Amino acid sequence: EPQGDIAFPEMDWKAEDHSWRAKESEEDDDRPTFENFLT
């Protein structure tokens, strides 16, 4: 583990393929987008 006050970005990794998705903030989840109105 790195020492000190350096903050690393959090990534949601899956062990089987080492893939990740950047964690989204709650504010981003609630923000309406154009796609929300498309069917």
PDB file of all heavy atoms in Angstrom:
ATOM      1  N   GLU A   1       0.837  -1.187   0.000  1.00  0.00           N
ATOM      2  CA  GLU A   1       0.000   0.000   0.000  1.00  0.00           C
ATOM      3  C   GLU A   1       0.874   1.240   0.000  1.00  0.00           C
ATOM      4  O   GLU A   1       1.868   1.327   0.727  1.00  0.00           O
ATOM      5  CB  GLU A   1      -0.903   0.016   1.236  1.00  0.00           C
ATOM      6  CG  GLU A   1      -1.927  -1.102   1.247  1.00  0.00           C
ATOM      7  CD  GLU A   1      -2.951  -0.933   0.150  1.00  0.00           C
ATOM      8  OE1 GLU A   1      -3.058   0.175  -0.403  1.00  0.00           O
ATOM      9  OE2 GLU A   1      -3.623  -1.917  -0.164  1.00  0.00           O
ATOM     10  N   PRO A   2       0.551   2.240  -0.820  1.00  0.00           N
ATOM     11  CA  PRO A   2       1.327   3.476  -0.825  1.00  0.00           C
ATOM     12  C   PRO A   2       1.175   4.201   0.496  1.00  0.00           C
ATOM     13  O   PRO A   2       0.128   4.157   1.133  1.00  0.00           O
ATOM     14  CB  PRO A   2       0.703   4.270  -1.972  1.00  0.00           C
ATOM     15  CG  PRO A   2      -0.661   3.712  -2.121  1.00  0.00           C
ATOM     16  CD  PRO A   2      -0.562   2.266  -1.761  1.00  0.00           C
ATOM     17  N   GLN A   3       2.239   4.876   0.914  1.00  0.00           N
ATOM     18  CA  GLN A   3       2.233   5.590   2.175  1.00  0.00           C
ATOM     19  C   GLN A   3       1.987   7.070   1.936  1.00  0.00           C
ATOM     20  O   GLN A   3       2.116   7.578   0.836  1.00  0.00           O
ATOM     21  CB  GLN A   3       3.582   5.391   2.888  1.00  0.00           C
ATOM     22  CG  GLN A   3       3.927   3.929   3.135  1.00  0.00           C
ATOM     23  CD  GLN A   3       2.945   3.248   4.058  1.00  0.00           C
ATOM     24  OE1 GLN A   3       2.513   3.835   5.046  1.00  0.00           O
ATOM     25  NE2 GLN A   3       2.586   2.015   3.746  1.00  0.00           N
ATOM     26  N   GLY A   4       1.662   7.766   3.015  1.00  0.00           N
ATOM     27  CA  GLY A   4       1.516   9.218   2.919  1.00  0.00           C
ATOM     28  C   GLY A   4       0.097   9.629   2.595  1.00  0.00           C
ATOM     29  O   GLY A   4      -0.844   8.861   2.697  1.00  0.00           O
ATOM     30  N   ASP A   5      -0.033  10.890   2.170  1.00  0.00           N
ATOM     31  CA  ASP A   5      -1.344  11.470   1.941  1.00  0.00           C
ATOM     32  C   ASP A   5      -1.759  11.431   0.478  1.00  0.00           C
ATOM     33  O   ASP A   5      -2.706  12.092   0.085  1.00  0.00           O
ATOM     34  CB  ASP A   5      -1.359  12.933   2.424  1.00  0.00           C
ATOM     35  CG  ASP A   5      -1.089  13.028   3.920  1.00  0.00           C
ATOM     36  OD1 ASP A   5      -1.503  12.103   4.641  1.00  0.00           O
ATOM     37  OD2 ASP A   5      -0.460  14.015   4.346  1.00  0.00           O
ATOM     38  N   ILE A   6      -1.041  10.692  -0.357  1.00  0.00           N
ATOM     39  CA  ILE A   6      -1.375  10.635  -1.776  1.00  0.00           C
ATOM     40  C   ILE A   6      -2.672   9.861  -1.958  1.00  0.00           C
ATOM     41  O   ILE A   6      -2.824   8.739  -1.474  1.00  0.00           O
ATOM     42  CB  ILE A   6      -0.245   9.967  -2.577  1.00  0.00           C
ATOM     43  CG1 ILE A   6       1.032  10.787  -2.450  1.00  0.00           C
ATOM     44  CG2 ILE A   6      -0.628   9.811  -4.037  1.00  0.00           C
ATOM     45  CD1 ILE A   6       2.229  10.184  -3.130  1.00  0.00           C
ATOM     46  N   ALA A   7      -3.606  10.467  -2.655  1.00  0.00           N
ATOM     47  CA  ALA A   7      -4.913   9.841  -2.862  1.00  0.00           C
ATOM     48  C   ALA A   7      -4.982   9.230  -4.254  1.00  0.00           C
ATOM     49  O   ALA A   7      -4.876   9.942  -5.247  1.00  0.00           O
ATOM     50  CB  ALA A   7      -6.027  10.871  -2.681  1.00  0.00           C
ATOM     51  N   PHE A   8      -5.170   7.927  -4.328  1.00  0.00           N
ATOM     52  CA  PHE A   8      -5.308   7.255  -5.608  1.00  0.00           C
ATOM     53  C   PHE A   8      -6.779   7.214  -6.009  1.00  0.00           C
ATOM     54  O   PHE A   8      -7.656   7.105  -5.147  1.00  0.00           O
ATOM     55  CB  PHE A   8      -4.767   5.823  -5.529  1.00  0.00           C
ATOM     56  CG  PHE A   8      -3.272   5.738  -5.572  1.00  0.00           C
ATOM     57  CD1 PHE A   8      -2.519   5.973  -4.434  1.00  0.00           C
ATOM     58  CD2 PHE A   8      -2.616   5.445  -6.750  1.00  0.00           C
ATOM     59  CE1 PHE A   8      -1.141   5.912  -4.474  1.00  0.00           C
ATOM     60  CE2 PHE A   8      -1.239   5.371  -6.800  1.00  0.00           C
ATOM     61  CZ  PHE A   8      -0.496   5.603  -5.660  1.00  0.00           C
ATOM     62  N   PRO A   9      -7.054   7.297  -7.290  1.00  0.00           N
ATOM     63  CA  PRO A   9      -8.460   7.191  -7.734  1.00  0.00           C
ATOM     64  C   PRO A   9      -8.995   5.808  -7.449  1.00  0.00           C
ATOM     65  O   PRO A   9      -8.275   4.813  -7.542  1.00  0.00           O
ATOM     66  CB  PRO A   9      -8.366   7.453  -9.249  1.00  0.00           C
ATOM     67  CG  PRO A   9      -6.974   7.085  -9.610  1.00  0.00           C
ATOM     68  CD  PRO A   9      -6.127   7.455  -8.423  1.00  0.00           C
ATOM     69  N   GLU A  10     -10.266   5.736  -7.057  1.00  0.00           N
ATOM     70  CA  GLU A  10     -10.880   4.443  -6.784  1.00  0.00           C
ATOM     71  C   GLU A  10     -11.405   3.844  -8.080  1.00  0.00           C
ATOM     72  O   GLU A  10     -12.041   4.509  -8.875  1.00  0.00           O
ATOM     73  CB  GLU A  10     -12.030   4.608  -5.782  1.00  0.00           C
ATOM     74  CG  GLU A  10     -11.558   5.047  -4.405  1.00  0.00           C
ATOM     75  CD  GLU A  10     -12.702   5.049  -3.413  1.00  0.00           C
ATOM     76  OE1 GLU A  10     -13.712   4.383  -3.685  1.00  0.00           O
ATOM     77  OE2 GLU A  10     -12.588   5.711  -2.387  1.00  0.00           O
ATOM     78  N   MET A  11     -11.128   2.553  -8.266  1.00  0.00           N
ATOM     79  CA  MET A  11     -11.618   1.842  -9.440  1.00  0.00           C
ATOM     80  C   MET A  11     -12.261   0.549  -8.977  1.00  0.00           C
ATOM     81  O   MET A  11     -11.734  -0.149  -8.113  1.00  0.00           O
ATOM     82  CB  MET A  11     -10.476   1.560 -10.428  1.00  0.00           C
ATOM     83  CG  MET A  11      -9.918   2.807 -11.087  1.00  0.00           C
ATOM     84  SD  MET A  11      -8.643   2.470 -12.301  1.00  0.00           S
ATOM     85  CE  MET A  11      -7.285   2.002 -11.244  1.00  0.00           C
ATOM     86  N   ASP A  12     -13.421   0.254  -9.525  1.00  0.00           N
ATOM     87  CA  ASP A  12     -14.168  -0.937  -9.160  1.00  0.00           C
ATOM     88  C   ASP A  12     -13.697  -2.083 -10.047  1.00  0.00           C
ATOM     89  O   ASP A  12     -14.202  -2.286 -11.142  1.00  0.00           O
ATOM     90  CB  ASP A  12     -15.665  -0.667  -9.351  1.00  0.00           C
ATOM     91  CG  ASP A  12     -16.515  -1.838  -8.885  1.00  0.00           C
ATOM     92  OD1 ASP A  12     -15.982  -2.686  -8.155  1.00  0.00           O
ATOM     93  OD2 ASP A  12     -17.696  -1.886  -9.251  1.00  0.00           O
ATOM     94  N   TRP A  13     -12.713  -2.857  -9.567  1.00  0.00           N
ATOM     95  CA  TRP A  13     -12.101  -3.903 -10.384  1.00  0.00           C
ATOM     96  C   TRP A  13     -12.870  -5.207 -10.252  1.00  0.00           C
ATOM     97  O   TRP A  13     -13.397  -5.530  -9.205  1.00  0.00           O
ATOM     98  CB  TRP A  13     -10.665  -4.153  -9.937  1.00  0.00           C
ATOM     99  CG  TRP A  13      -9.742  -3.049 -10.251  1.00  0.00           C
ATOM    100  CD1 TRP A  13      -9.505  -1.938  -9.496  1.00  0.00           C
ATOM    101  CD2 TRP A  13      -8.927  -2.923 -11.408  1.00  0.00           C
ATOM    102  NE1 TRP A  13      -8.580  -1.133 -10.120  1.00  0.00           N
ATOM    103  CE2 TRP A  13      -8.208  -1.716 -11.277  1.00  0.00           C
ATOM    104  CE3 TRP A  13      -8.728  -3.719 -12.537  1.00  0.00           C
ATOM    105  CZ2 TRP A  13      -7.311  -1.286 -12.247  1.00  0.00           C
ATOM    106  CZ3 TRP A  13      -7.832  -3.293 -13.496  1.00  0.00           C
ATOM    107  CH2 TRP A  13      -7.135  -2.092 -13.345  1.00  0.00           C
ATOM    108  N   LYS A  14     -12.884  -5.978 -11.338  1.00  0.00           N
ATOM    109  CA  LYS A  14     -13.383  -7.354 -11.300  1.00  0.00           C
ATOM    110  C   LYS A  14     -12.179  -8.265 -11.469  1.00  0.00           C
ATOM    111  O   LYS A  14     -11.450  -8.166 -12.439  1.00  0.00           O
ATOM    112  CB  LYS A  14     -14.401  -7.600 -12.420  1.00  0.00           C
ATOM    113  CG  LYS A  14     -15.746  -6.972 -12.147  1.00  0.00           C
ATOM    114  CD  LYS A  14     -16.748  -7.449 -13.165  1.00  0.00           C
ATOM    115  CE  LYS A  14     -18.139  -6.918 -12.824  1.00  0.00           C
ATOM    116  NZ  LYS A  14     -19.145  -7.386 -13.783  1.00  0.00           N
ATOM    117  N   ALA A  15     -11.991  -9.169 -10.538  1.00  0.00           N
ATOM    118  CA  ALA A  15     -10.782  -9.977 -10.511  1.00  0.00           C
ATOM    119  C   ALA A  15     -10.621 -10.845 -11.746  1.00  0.00           C
ATOM    120  O   ALA A  15      -9.518 -11.099 -12.200  1.00  0.00           O
ATOM    121  CB  ALA A  15     -10.778 -10.849  -9.255  1.00  0.00           C
ATOM    122  N   GLU A  16     -11.751 -11.292 -12.335  1.00  0.00           N
ATOM    123  CA  GLU A  16     -11.628 -12.249 -13.430  1.00  0.00           C
ATOM    124  C   GLU A  16     -11.055 -11.652 -14.695  1.00  0.00           C
ATOM    125  O   GLU A  16     -10.407 -12.328 -15.477  1.00  0.00           O
ATOM    126  CB  GLU A  16     -12.983 -12.897 -13.745  1.00  0.00           C
ATOM    127  CG  GLU A  16     -14.046 -11.946 -14.260  1.00  0.00           C
ATOM    128  CD  GLU A  16     -14.861 -11.332 -13.160  1.00  0.00           C
ATOM    129  OE1 GLU A  16     -14.404 -11.373 -12.007  1.00  0.00           O
ATOM    130  OE2 GLU A  16     -15.958 -10.831 -13.435  1.00  0.00           O
ATOM    131  N   ASP A  17     -11.248 -10.369 -14.932  1.00  0.00           N
ATOM    132  CA  ASP A  17     -10.690  -9.800 -16.157  1.00  0.00           C
ATOM    133  C   ASP A  17      -9.976  -8.468 -15.910  1.00  0.00           C
ATOM    134  O   ASP A  17      -9.575  -7.806 -16.847  1.00  0.00           O
ATOM    135  CB  ASP A  17     -11.774  -9.616 -17.221  1.00  0.00           C
ATOM    136  CG  ASP A  17     -12.853  -8.644 -16.792  1.00  0.00           C
ATOM    137  OD1 ASP A  17     -12.791  -8.112 -15.680  1.00  0.00           O
ATOM    138  OD2 ASP A  17     -13.774  -8.425 -17.599  1.00  0.00           O
ATOM    139  N   HIS A  18      -9.827  -8.097 -14.640  1.00  0.00           N
ATOM    140  CA  HIS A  18      -9.131  -6.868 -14.286  1.00  0.00           C
ATOM    141  C   HIS A  18      -9.782  -5.651 -14.928  1.00  0.00           C
ATOM    142  O   HIS A  18      -9.129  -4.655 -15.176  1.00  0.00           O
ATOM    143  CB  HIS A  18      -7.654  -6.932 -14.713  1.00  0.00           C
ATOM    144  CG  HIS A  18      -6.863  -7.922 -13.931  1.00  0.00           C
ATOM    145  ND1 HIS A  18      -5.577  -8.242 -14.232  1.00  0.00           N
ATOM    146  CD2 HIS A  18      -7.189  -8.679 -12.865  1.00  0.00           C
ATOM    147  CE1 HIS A  18      -5.126  -9.150 -13.392  1.00  0.00           C
ATOM    148  NE2 HIS A  18      -6.099  -9.426 -12.560  1.00  0.00           N
ATOM    149  N   SER A  19     -11.068  -5.714 -15.207  1.00  0.00           N
ATOM    150  CA  SER A  19     -11.742  -4.556 -15.774  1.00  0.00           C
ATOM    151  C   SER A  19     -12.354  -3.735 -14.650  1.00  0.00           C
ATOM    152  O   SER A  19     -12.548  -4.214 -13.546  1.00  0.00           O
ATOM    153  CB  SER A  19     -12.827  -5.003 -16.755  1.00  0.00           C
ATOM    154  OG  SER A  19     -13.779  -5.812 -16.108  1.00  0.00           O
ATOM    155  N   TRP A  20     -12.638  -2.510 -14.953  1.00  0.00           N
ATOM    156  CA  TRP A  20     -13.174  -1.643 -13.921  1.00  0.00           C
ATOM    157  C   TRP A  20     -14.151  -0.658 -14.533  1.00  0.00           C
ATOM    158  O   TRP A  20     -14.208  -0.464 -15.720  1.00  0.00           O
ATOM    159  CB  TRP A  20     -12.061  -0.877 -13.204  1.00  0.00           C
ATOM    160  CG  TRP A  20     -11.492   0.229 -14.028  1.00  0.00           C
ATOM    161  CD1 TRP A  20     -11.921   1.518 -14.105  1.00  0.00           C
ATOM    162  CD2 TRP A  20     -10.394   0.130 -14.939  1.00  0.00           C
ATOM    163  NE1 TRP A  20     -11.157   2.224 -14.987  1.00  0.00           N
ATOM    164  CE2 TRP A  20     -10.230   1.408 -15.514  1.00  0.00           C
ATOM    165  CE3 TRP A  20      -9.561  -0.924 -15.308  1.00  0.00           C
ATOM    166  CZ2 TRP A  20      -9.236   1.653 -16.442  1.00  0.00           C
ATOM    167  CZ3 TRP A  20      -8.569  -0.667 -16.239  1.00  0.00           C
ATOM    168  CH2 TRP A  20      -8.419   0.602 -16.788  1.00  0.00           C
ATOM    169  N   ARG A  21     -14.901  -0.042 -13.676  1.00  0.00           N
ATOM    170  CA  ARG A  21     -15.757   1.069 -14.082  1.00  0.00           C
ATOM    171  C   ARG A  21     -15.557   2.168 -13.065  1.00  0.00           C
ATOM    172  O   ARG A  21     -15.646   1.935 -11.866  1.00  0.00           O
ATOM    173  CB  ARG A  21     -17.227   0.637 -14.100  1.00  0.00           C
ATOM    174  CG  ARG A  21     -18.183   1.741 -14.553  1.00  0.00           C
ATOM    175  CD  ARG A  21     -19.589   1.181 -14.709  1.00  0.00           C
ATOM    176  NE  ARG A  21     -20.118   0.745 -13.428  1.00  0.00           N
ATOM    177  CZ  ARG A  21     -20.726   1.531 -12.564  1.00  0.00           C
ATOM    178  NH1 ARG A  21     -20.873   2.810 -12.835  1.00  0.00           N
ATOM    179  NH2 ARG A  21     -21.176   1.061 -11.430  1.00  0.00           N
ATOM    180  N   ALA A  22     -15.235   3.339 -13.518  1.00  0.00           N
ATOM    181  CA  ALA A  22     -15.011   4.456 -12.608  1.00  0.00           C
ATOM    182  C   ALA A  22     -16.257   4.675 -11.776  1.00  0.00           C
ATOM    183  O   ALA A  22     -17.374   4.682 -12.288  1.00  0.00           O
ATOM    184  CB  ALA A  22     -14.665   5.720 -13.397  1.00  0.00           C
ATOM    185  N   LYS A  23     -16.099   4.824 -10.476  1.00  0.00           N
ATOM    186  CA  LYS A  23     -17.244   4.991  -9.592  1.00  0.00           C
ATOM    187  C   LYS A  23     -17.924   6.323  -9.864  1.00  0.00           C
ATOM    188  O   LYS A  23     -17.275   7.359  -9.955  1.00  0.00           O
ATOM    189  CB  LYS A  23     -16.792   4.910  -8.132  1.00  0.00           C
ATOM    190  CG  LYS A  23     -16.323   3.508  -7.749  1.00  0.00           C
ATOM    191  CD  LYS A  23     -16.051   3.418  -6.273  1.00  0.00           C
ATOM    192  CE  LYS A  23     -15.672   1.991  -5.878  1.00  0.00           C
ATOM    193  NZ  LYS A  23     -15.406   1.868  -4.435  1.00  0.00           N
ATOM    194  N   GLU A  24     -19.240   6.283  -9.958  1.00  0.00           N
ATOM    195  CA  GLU A  24     -20.007   7.481 -10.252  1.00  0.00           C
ATOM    196  C   GLU A  24     -20.525   8.080  -8.961  1.00  0.00           C
ATOM    197  O   GLU A  24     -20.907   7.375  -8.037  1.00  0.00           O
ATOM    198  CB  GLU A  24     -21.182   7.147 -11.172  1.00  0.00           C
ATOM    199  CG  GLU A  24     -20.730   6.546 -12.501  1.00  0.00           C
ATOM    200  CD  GLU A  24     -21.921   6.054 -13.304  1.00  0.00           C
ATOM    201  OE1 GLU A  24     -23.038   6.088 -12.748  1.00  0.00           O
ATOM    202  OE2 GLU A  24     -21.722   5.639 -14.450  1.00  0.00           O
ATOM    203  N   SER A  25     -20.560   9.380  -8.921  1.00  0.00           N
ATOM    204  CA  SER A  25     -21.073  10.051  -7.729  1.00  0.00           C
ATOM    205  C   SER A  25     -22.590  10.019  -7.733  1.00  0.00           C
ATOM    206  O   SER A  25     -23.224   9.863  -8.763  1.00  0.00           O
ATOM    207  CB  SER A  25     -20.583  11.508  -7.703  1.00  0.00           C
ATOM    208  OG  SER A  25     -21.174  12.230  -8.762  1.00  0.00           O
ATOM    209  N   GLU A  26     -23.165  10.170  -6.541  1.00  0.00           N
ATOM    210  CA  GLU A  26     -24.625  10.189  -6.439  1.00  0.00           C
ATOM    211  C   GLU A  26     -25.193  11.376  -7.200  1.00  0.00           C
ATOM    212  O   GLU A  26     -26.272  11.305  -7.777  1.00  0.00           O
ATOM    213  CB  GLU A  26     -25.031  10.255  -4.967  1.00  0.00           C
ATOM    214  CG  GLU A  26     -24.678   8.984  -4.195  1.00  0.00           C
ATOM    215  CD  GLU A  26     -25.140   9.080  -2.766  1.00  0.00           C
ATOM    216  OE1 GLU A  26     -25.777  10.107  -2.430  1.00  0.00           O
ATOM    217  OE2 GLU A  26     -24.896   8.145  -1.984  1.00  0.00           O
ATOM    218  N   GLU A  27     -24.435  12.459  -7.220  1.00  0.00           N
ATOM    219  CA  GLU A  27     -24.903  13.649  -7.937  1.00  0.00           C
ATOM    220  C   GLU A  27     -25.024  13.355  -9.425  1.00  0.00           C
ATOM    221  O   GLU A  27     -25.977  13.749 -10.078  1.00  0.00           O
ATOM    222  CB  GLU A  27     -23.926  14.804  -7.703  1.00  0.00           C
ATOM    223  CG  GLU A  27     -24.324  16.088  -8.417  1.00  0.00           C
ATOM    224  CD  GLU A  27     -23.336  17.202  -8.185  1.00  0.00           C
ATOM    225  OE1 GLU A  27     -22.437  17.039  -7.339  1.00  0.00           O
ATOM    226  OE2 GLU A  27     -23.479  18.250  -8.848  1.00  0.00           O
ATOM    227  N   ASP A  28     -24.050  12.614  -9.976  1.00  0.00           N
ATOM    228  CA  ASP A  28     -24.091  12.269 -11.390  1.00  0.00           C
ATOM    229  C   ASP A  28     -25.253  11.336 -11.691  1.00  0.00           C
ATOM    230  O   ASP A  28     -25.868  11.403 -12.740  1.00  0.00           O
ATOM    231  CB  ASP A  28     -22.775  11.603 -11.812  1.00  0.00           C
ATOM    232  CG  ASP A  28     -21.628  12.596 -11.827  1.00  0.00           C
ATOM    233  OD1 ASP A  28     -21.922  13.798 -11.924  1.00  0.00           O
ATOM    234  OD2 ASP A  28     -20.469  12.163 -11.733  1.00  0.00           O
ATOM    235  N   ASP A  29     -25.555  10.416 -10.735  1.00  0.00           N
ATOM    236  CA  ASP A  29     -26.643   9.471 -10.945  1.00  0.00           C
ATOM    237  C   ASP A  29     -27.986  10.176 -11.052  1.00  0.00           C
ATOM    238  O   ASP A  29     -28.874   9.746 -11.772  1.00  0.00           O
ATOM    239  CB  ASP A  29     -26.694   8.453  -9.793  1.00  0.00           C
ATOM    240  CG  ASP A  29     -25.469   7.532  -9.831  1.00  0.00           C
ATOM    241  OD1 ASP A  29     -24.860   7.409 -10.902  1.00  0.00           O
ATOM    242  OD2 ASP A  29     -25.143   6.957  -8.771  1.00  0.00           O
ATOM    243  N   ASP A  30     -28.149  11.276 -10.299  1.00  0.00           N
ATOM    244  CA  ASP A  30     -29.435  11.952 -10.257  1.00  0.00           C
ATOM    245  C   ASP A  30     -29.594  13.000 -11.349  1.00  0.00           C
ATOM    246  O   ASP A  30     -30.689  13.502 -11.567  1.00  0.00           O
ATOM    247  CB  ASP A  30     -29.616  12.641  -8.887  1.00  0.00           C
ATOM    248  CG  ASP A  30     -29.683  11.617  -7.765  1.00  0.00           C
ATOM    249  OD1 ASP A  30     -30.064  10.473  -8.062  1.00  0.00           O
ATOM    250  OD2 ASP A  30     -29.354  11.978  -6.622  1.00  0.00           O
ATOM    251  N   ARG A  31     -28.504  13.337 -12.024  1.00  0.00           N
ATOM    252  CA  ARG A  31     -28.577  14.398 -13.008  1.00  0.00           C
ATOM    253  C   ARG A  31     -29.254  13.904 -14.275  1.00  0.00           C
ATOM    254  O   ARG A  31     -28.840  12.912 -14.869  1.00  0.00           O
ATOM    255  CB  ARG A  31     -27.165  14.898 -13.342  1.00  0.00           C
ATOM    256  CG  ARG A  31     -27.161  16.104 -14.263  1.00  0.00           C
ATOM    257  CD  ARG A  31     -25.747  16.527 -14.582  1.00  0.00           C
ATOM    258  NE  ARG A  31     -25.032  16.848 -13.356  1.00  0.00           N
ATOM    259  CZ  ARG A  31     -23.865  16.312 -13.036  1.00  0.00           C
ATOM    260  NH1 ARG A  31     -23.288  15.437 -13.817  1.00  0.00           N
ATOM    261  NH2 ARG A  31     -23.269  16.653 -11.911  1.00  0.00           N
ATOM    262  N   PRO A  32     -30.335  14.534 -14.745  1.00  0.00           N
ATOM    263  CA  PRO A  32     -31.018  14.089 -15.961  1.00  0.00           C
ATOM    264  C   PRO A  32     -30.164  14.335 -17.195  1.00  0.00           C
ATOM    265  O   PRO A  32     -29.421  15.298 -17.264  1.00  0.00           O
ATOM    266  CB  PRO A  32     -32.290  14.952 -15.993  1.00  0.00           C
ATOM    267  CG  PRO A  32     -31.926  16.181 -15.222  1.00  0.00           C
ATOM    268  CD  PRO A  32     -30.971  15.726 -14.146  1.00  0.00           C
ATOM    269  N   THR A  33     -30.232  13.420 -18.152  1.00  0.00           N
ATOM    270  CA  THR A  33     -29.508  13.561 -19.412  1.00  0.00           C
ATOM    271  C   THR A  33     -30.490  13.430 -20.562  1.00  0.00           C
ATOM    272  O   THR A  33     -31.624  12.993 -20.392  1.00  0.00           O
ATOM    273  CB  THR A  33     -28.420  12.492 -19.559  1.00  0.00           C
ATOM    274  OG1 THR A  33     -29.050  11.206 -19.590  1.00  0.00           O
ATOM    275  CG2 THR A  33     -27.432  12.537 -18.404  1.00  0.00           C
ATOM    276  N   PHE A  34     -30.016  13.804 -21.747  1.00  0.00           N
ATOM    277  CA  PHE A  34     -30.873  13.729 -22.928  1.00  0.00           C
ATOM    278  C   PHE A  34     -31.358  12.303 -23.161  1.00  0.00           C
ATOM    279  O   PHE A  34     -32.503  12.077 -23.545  1.00  0.00           O
ATOM    280  CB  PHE A  34     -30.088  14.223 -24.146  1.00  0.00           C
ATOM    281  CG  PHE A  34     -30.843  14.101 -25.449  1.00  0.00           C
ATOM    282  CD1 PHE A  34     -31.871  14.968 -25.751  1.00  0.00           C
ATOM    283  CD2 PHE A  34     -30.523  13.115 -26.356  1.00  0.00           C
ATOM    284  CE1 PHE A  34     -32.573  14.863 -26.934  1.00  0.00           C
ATOM    285  CE2 PHE A  34     -31.214  12.988 -27.544  1.00  0.00           C
ATOM    286  CZ  PHE A  34     -32.242  13.872 -27.837  1.00  0.00           C
ATOM    287  N   GLU A  35     -30.458  11.322 -22.892  1.00  0.00           N
ATOM    288  CA  GLU A  35     -30.826   9.935 -23.141  1.00  0.00           C
ATOM    289  C   GLU A  35     -31.990   9.465 -22.285  1.00  0.00           C
ATOM    290  O   GLU A  35     -32.666   8.502 -22.624  1.00  0.00           O
ATOM    291  CB  GLU A  35     -29.612   9.026 -22.903  1.00  0.00           C
ATOM    292  CG  GLU A  35     -28.551   9.118 -23.989  1.00  0.00           C
ATOM    293  CD  GLU A  35     -27.667  10.348 -23.833  1.00  0.00           C
ATOM    294  OE1 GLU A  35     -27.813  11.055 -22.806  1.00  0.00           O
ATOM    295  OE2 GLU A  35     -26.850  10.602 -24.741  1.00  0.00           O
ATOM    296  N   ASN A  36     -32.214  10.121 -21.142  1.00  0.00           N
ATOM    297  CA  ASN A  36     -33.305   9.709 -20.272  1.00  0.00           C
ATOM    298  C   ASN A  36     -34.669   9.883 -20.922  1.00  0.00           C
ATOM    299  O   ASN A  36     -35.651   9.277 -20.482  1.00  0.00           O
ATOM    300  CB  ASN A  36     -33.285  10.507 -18.954  1.00  0.00           C
ATOM    301  CG  ASN A  36     -32.080  10.173 -18.109  1.00  0.00           C
ATOM    302  OD1 ASN A  36     -31.437  11.061 -17.577  1.00  0.00           O
ATOM    303  ND2 ASN A  36     -31.758   8.895 -17.990  1.00  0.00           N
ATOM    304  N   PHE A  37     -34.749  10.696 -21.953  1.00  0.00           N
ATOM    305  CA  PHE A  37     -36.029  10.958 -22.592  1.00  0.00           C
ATOM    306  C   PHE A  37     -36.205  10.159 -23.880  1.00  0.00           C
ATOM    307  O   PHE A  37     -37.184  10.335 -24.588  1.00  0.00           O
ATOM    308  CB  PHE A  37     -36.154  12.463 -22.893  1.00  0.00           C
ATOM    309  CG  PHE A  37     -36.061  13.313 -21.665  1.00  0.00           C
ATOM    310  CD1 PHE A  37     -34.862  13.911 -21.302  1.00  0.00           C
ATOM    311  CD2 PHE A  37     -37.166  13.514 -20.843  1.00  0.00           C
ATOM    312  CE1 PHE A  37     -34.762  14.694 -20.166  1.00  0.00           C
ATOM    313  CE2 PHE A  37     -37.076  14.295 -19.711  1.00  0.00           C
ATOM    314  CZ  PHE A  37     -35.873  14.886 -19.365  1.00  0.00           C
ATOM    315  N   LEU A  38     -35.246   9.275 -24.194  1.00  0.00           N
ATOM    316  CA  LEU A  38     -35.318   8.475 -25.404  1.00  0.00           C
ATOM    317  C   LEU A  38     -35.884   7.097 -25.095  1.00  0.00           C
ATOM    318  O   LEU A  38     -35.627   6.525 -24.047  1.00  0.00           O
ATOM    319  CB  LEU A  38     -33.924   8.310 -26.025  1.00  0.00           C
ATOM    320  CG  LEU A  38     -33.214   9.598 -26.442  1.00  0.00           C
ATOM    321  CD1 LEU A  38     -31.847   9.263 -27.020  1.00  0.00           C
ATOM    322  CD2 LEU A  38     -34.026  10.360 -27.477  1.00  0.00           C
ATOM    323  N   THR A  39     -36.662   6.555 -26.011  1.00  0.00           N
ATOM    324  CA  THR A  39     -37.186   5.200 -25.858  1.00  0.00           C
ATOM    325  C   THR A  39     -36.534   4.260 -26.857  1.00  0.00           C
ATOM    326  O   THR A  39     -36.703   3.059 -26.764  1.00  0.00           O
ATOM    327  CB  THR A  39     -38.710   5.178 -26.076  1.00  0.00           C
ATOM    328  OG1 THR A  39     -39.003   5.719 -27.369  1.00  0.00           O
ATOM    329  CG2 THR A  39     -39.416   6.000 -25.010  1.00  0.00           C
TER     330      THR A  39
END
